[in-house]
N, C-alpha and C. Protein backbone atom coordinates (compact mmCIF):
# COMPACT_ATOMS: atom_id res chain seq x y z
N MET A 1 0.94 -1.01 0.07
CA MET A 1 0.11 0.11 0.04
C MET A 1 0.93 1.25 0.03
N LYS A 2 0.48 2.30 -0.79
CA LYS A 2 1.33 3.53 -0.75
C LYS A 2 0.29 4.72 -0.62
N VAL A 3 0.75 5.92 -0.12
CA VAL A 3 0.11 6.95 -0.24
C VAL A 3 0.29 7.79 -1.66
N LEU A 4 -0.86 7.94 -2.34
CA LEU A 4 -0.77 8.71 -3.63
C LEU A 4 -0.85 10.24 -3.43
N ARG A 5 -1.69 10.75 -2.50
CA ARG A 5 -1.63 12.19 -2.27
C ARG A 5 -2.40 12.43 -1.03
N ILE A 6 -2.09 13.55 -0.46
CA ILE A 6 -2.80 13.95 0.81
C ILE A 6 -3.93 15.12 0.39
N LEU A 7 -5.08 14.87 0.83
CA LEU A 7 -6.16 15.76 0.32
C LEU A 7 -6.36 16.70 1.49
N THR A 8 -5.88 17.94 1.32
CA THR A 8 -5.79 18.84 2.40
C THR A 8 -7.02 19.69 2.74
N ASP A 9 -7.96 19.77 1.68
CA ASP A 9 -9.11 20.63 1.94
C ASP A 9 -10.35 19.66 2.64
N ILE A 10 -10.08 18.55 2.85
CA ILE A 10 -11.08 17.66 3.42
C ILE A 10 -10.88 17.58 4.91
N ARG A 11 -12.02 17.89 5.75
CA ARG A 11 -12.01 17.76 7.17
C ARG A 11 -12.77 16.52 7.67
N LEU A 12 -12.41 15.93 8.57
CA LEU A 12 -12.93 14.96 9.31
C LEU A 12 -14.03 15.49 10.38
N VAL A 13 -15.29 15.13 10.26
CA VAL A 13 -16.26 15.68 11.34
C VAL A 13 -17.10 14.48 11.84
N ILE A 14 -17.79 14.84 12.89
CA ILE A 14 -18.81 13.80 13.28
C ILE A 14 -20.09 14.58 13.11
N ALA A 15 -20.94 13.89 12.32
CA ALA A 15 -22.31 14.48 11.83
C ALA A 15 -23.40 13.51 12.42
N GLU A 16 -24.40 14.21 12.98
CA GLU A 16 -25.63 13.36 13.44
C GLU A 16 -26.63 13.15 12.02
N LEU A 17 -26.41 11.92 11.63
CA LEU A 17 -27.36 11.34 10.33
C LEU A 17 -28.63 10.71 10.63
N GLU A 18 -29.52 11.03 9.97
CA GLU A 18 -30.75 10.25 10.27
C GLU A 18 -31.04 9.45 8.96
N VAL A 19 -31.38 8.15 9.31
CA VAL A 19 -31.43 7.07 8.31
C VAL A 19 -32.85 6.26 8.46
N ASN A 20 -33.48 6.13 7.33
CA ASN A 20 -34.68 5.38 7.41
C ASN A 20 -34.40 3.83 7.17
N LEU A 21 -34.68 3.05 8.15
CA LEU A 21 -34.45 1.54 8.15
C LEU A 21 -35.89 0.90 8.08
N GLY A 22 -36.34 0.65 6.83
CA GLY A 22 -37.76 0.09 6.78
C GLY A 22 -38.78 1.17 7.14
N GLU A 23 -39.46 0.87 8.24
CA GLU A 23 -40.44 1.98 8.98
C GLU A 23 -39.94 2.53 9.87
N GLU A 24 -38.66 2.35 10.44
CA GLU A 24 -37.93 3.03 11.53
C GLU A 24 -37.14 4.09 10.96
N VAL A 25 -37.13 5.26 11.78
CA VAL A 25 -36.11 6.34 11.52
C VAL A 25 -35.21 6.36 12.64
N ARG A 26 -33.85 6.20 12.35
CA ARG A 26 -32.87 6.20 13.40
C ARG A 26 -31.87 7.31 13.21
N ASN A 27 -31.19 7.84 14.15
CA ASN A 27 -30.15 8.94 14.08
C ASN A 27 -29.08 8.49 14.99
N SER A 28 -27.85 8.86 14.55
CA SER A 28 -26.58 8.59 15.35
C SER A 28 -25.42 9.33 14.96
N PRO A 29 -24.67 9.65 15.72
CA PRO A 29 -23.35 10.33 15.28
C PRO A 29 -22.54 9.41 14.62
N THR A 30 -21.93 10.02 13.27
CA THR A 30 -21.17 9.15 12.33
C THR A 30 -20.05 9.96 11.86
N LEU A 31 -18.90 9.32 11.77
CA LEU A 31 -17.78 9.82 11.35
C LEU A 31 -18.01 10.16 9.75
N CYS A 32 -17.53 11.41 9.42
CA CYS A 32 -17.77 11.65 7.96
C CYS A 32 -16.63 12.61 7.49
N ALA A 33 -16.54 12.72 6.30
CA ALA A 33 -15.56 13.67 5.58
C ALA A 33 -16.31 14.81 5.13
N LEU A 34 -15.92 16.05 5.38
CA LEU A 34 -16.62 17.26 4.76
C LEU A 34 -15.81 17.69 3.59
N VAL A 35 -16.40 17.61 2.43
CA VAL A 35 -15.80 18.09 1.27
C VAL A 35 -16.29 19.40 0.80
N PRO A 36 -15.38 20.36 0.75
CA PRO A 36 -15.89 21.81 0.37
C PRO A 36 -16.33 21.73 -1.03
N GLY A 37 -17.31 22.69 -1.25
CA GLY A 37 -17.79 22.78 -2.54
C GLY A 37 -16.96 23.49 -3.38
N VAL A 38 -16.98 23.27 -4.81
CA VAL A 38 -16.07 24.00 -5.63
C VAL A 38 -16.96 24.91 -6.54
N ALA A 39 -16.51 26.04 -6.91
CA ALA A 39 -17.15 27.04 -7.80
C ALA A 39 -18.58 27.43 -7.23
N GLY A 40 -18.85 27.61 -6.01
CA GLY A 40 -20.07 27.87 -5.61
C GLY A 40 -21.02 26.85 -5.24
N ALA A 41 -20.65 25.63 -5.53
CA ALA A 41 -21.37 24.53 -5.12
C ALA A 41 -21.41 24.36 -3.65
N GLN A 42 -22.39 23.60 -3.06
CA GLN A 42 -22.55 23.49 -1.57
C GLN A 42 -21.54 22.30 -1.11
N ASP A 43 -21.03 22.54 0.11
CA ASP A 43 -20.35 21.52 0.81
C ASP A 43 -20.99 20.04 0.77
N GLN A 44 -20.24 18.99 0.80
CA GLN A 44 -20.93 17.74 0.81
C GLN A 44 -20.27 16.97 2.00
N VAL A 45 -21.10 16.19 2.67
CA VAL A 45 -20.81 15.22 3.69
C VAL A 45 -20.82 13.79 3.22
N VAL A 46 -19.59 13.08 3.48
CA VAL A 46 -19.49 11.86 2.94
C VAL A 46 -19.35 10.83 4.22
N PRO A 47 -20.34 10.01 4.54
CA PRO A 47 -20.19 9.26 5.53
C PRO A 47 -19.06 8.07 5.37
N LEU A 48 -18.49 7.92 6.55
CA LEU A 48 -17.18 6.89 6.51
C LEU A 48 -17.67 5.59 7.17
N SER A 49 -18.81 5.43 7.58
CA SER A 49 -19.37 4.03 7.95
C SER A 49 -20.77 3.97 7.59
N THR A 50 -21.26 2.72 7.72
CA THR A 50 -22.73 2.29 7.51
C THR A 50 -23.45 2.76 8.79
N PRO A 51 -24.79 2.72 8.61
CA PRO A 51 -25.51 3.11 9.99
C PRO A 51 -25.35 2.04 11.00
N ASP A 52 -24.88 0.97 10.66
CA ASP A 52 -24.58 -0.10 11.85
C ASP A 52 -23.23 -0.04 12.28
N GLY A 53 -22.40 1.01 11.84
CA GLY A 53 -21.15 1.12 12.28
C GLY A 53 -19.89 0.46 11.56
N ARG A 54 -20.21 -0.27 10.49
CA ARG A 54 -19.12 -0.81 9.69
C ARG A 54 -18.52 0.26 8.91
N PRO A 55 -17.19 0.29 8.70
CA PRO A 55 -16.47 1.15 7.80
C PRO A 55 -16.75 1.00 6.39
N ILE A 56 -16.72 2.21 5.54
CA ILE A 56 -16.77 1.98 4.09
C ILE A 56 -15.86 2.99 3.58
N PHE A 57 -15.60 2.76 2.37
CA PHE A 57 -14.63 3.65 1.41
C PHE A 57 -15.34 4.93 1.23
N MET A 58 -14.51 5.97 1.29
CA MET A 58 -14.96 7.30 1.06
C MET A 58 -15.34 7.47 -0.58
N ARG A 59 -16.43 7.66 -0.88
CA ARG A 59 -16.92 7.75 -2.19
C ARG A 59 -17.68 9.06 -2.46
N ILE A 60 -17.48 9.89 -3.47
CA ILE A 60 -18.32 11.00 -3.62
C ILE A 60 -19.76 10.62 -3.98
N GLU A 61 -19.97 9.45 -4.50
CA GLU A 61 -21.32 8.87 -4.75
C GLU A 61 -22.13 8.84 -3.51
N ASN A 62 -21.39 8.71 -2.37
CA ASN A 62 -22.26 8.48 -1.22
C ASN A 62 -22.53 9.85 -0.43
N ALA A 63 -22.18 11.07 -1.10
CA ALA A 63 -22.16 12.50 -0.41
C ALA A 63 -23.59 12.85 -0.23
N ILE A 64 -23.62 13.58 0.85
CA ILE A 64 -25.08 14.04 1.24
C ILE A 64 -24.86 15.63 1.28
N GLY A 65 -25.60 16.39 0.55
CA GLY A 65 -25.45 18.02 0.44
C GLY A 65 -25.67 18.50 1.87
N THR A 66 -25.01 19.73 2.26
CA THR A 66 -25.39 20.35 3.58
C THR A 66 -26.32 21.29 3.46
């Protein structure tokens, strides 16, 4: 494994996320990456774990607008 680059504009934050699980609505603090918006776009929050706490890869497709 090797480091390709360091992303300096991204911050790690803990965000309280709300998730619909069937008919239940749950919320919990979740470790996320805060990606700043580019050219006037809004910032995006990318969860780094699933609602049940399993880690996931940071993918912009999983982003949630702020």
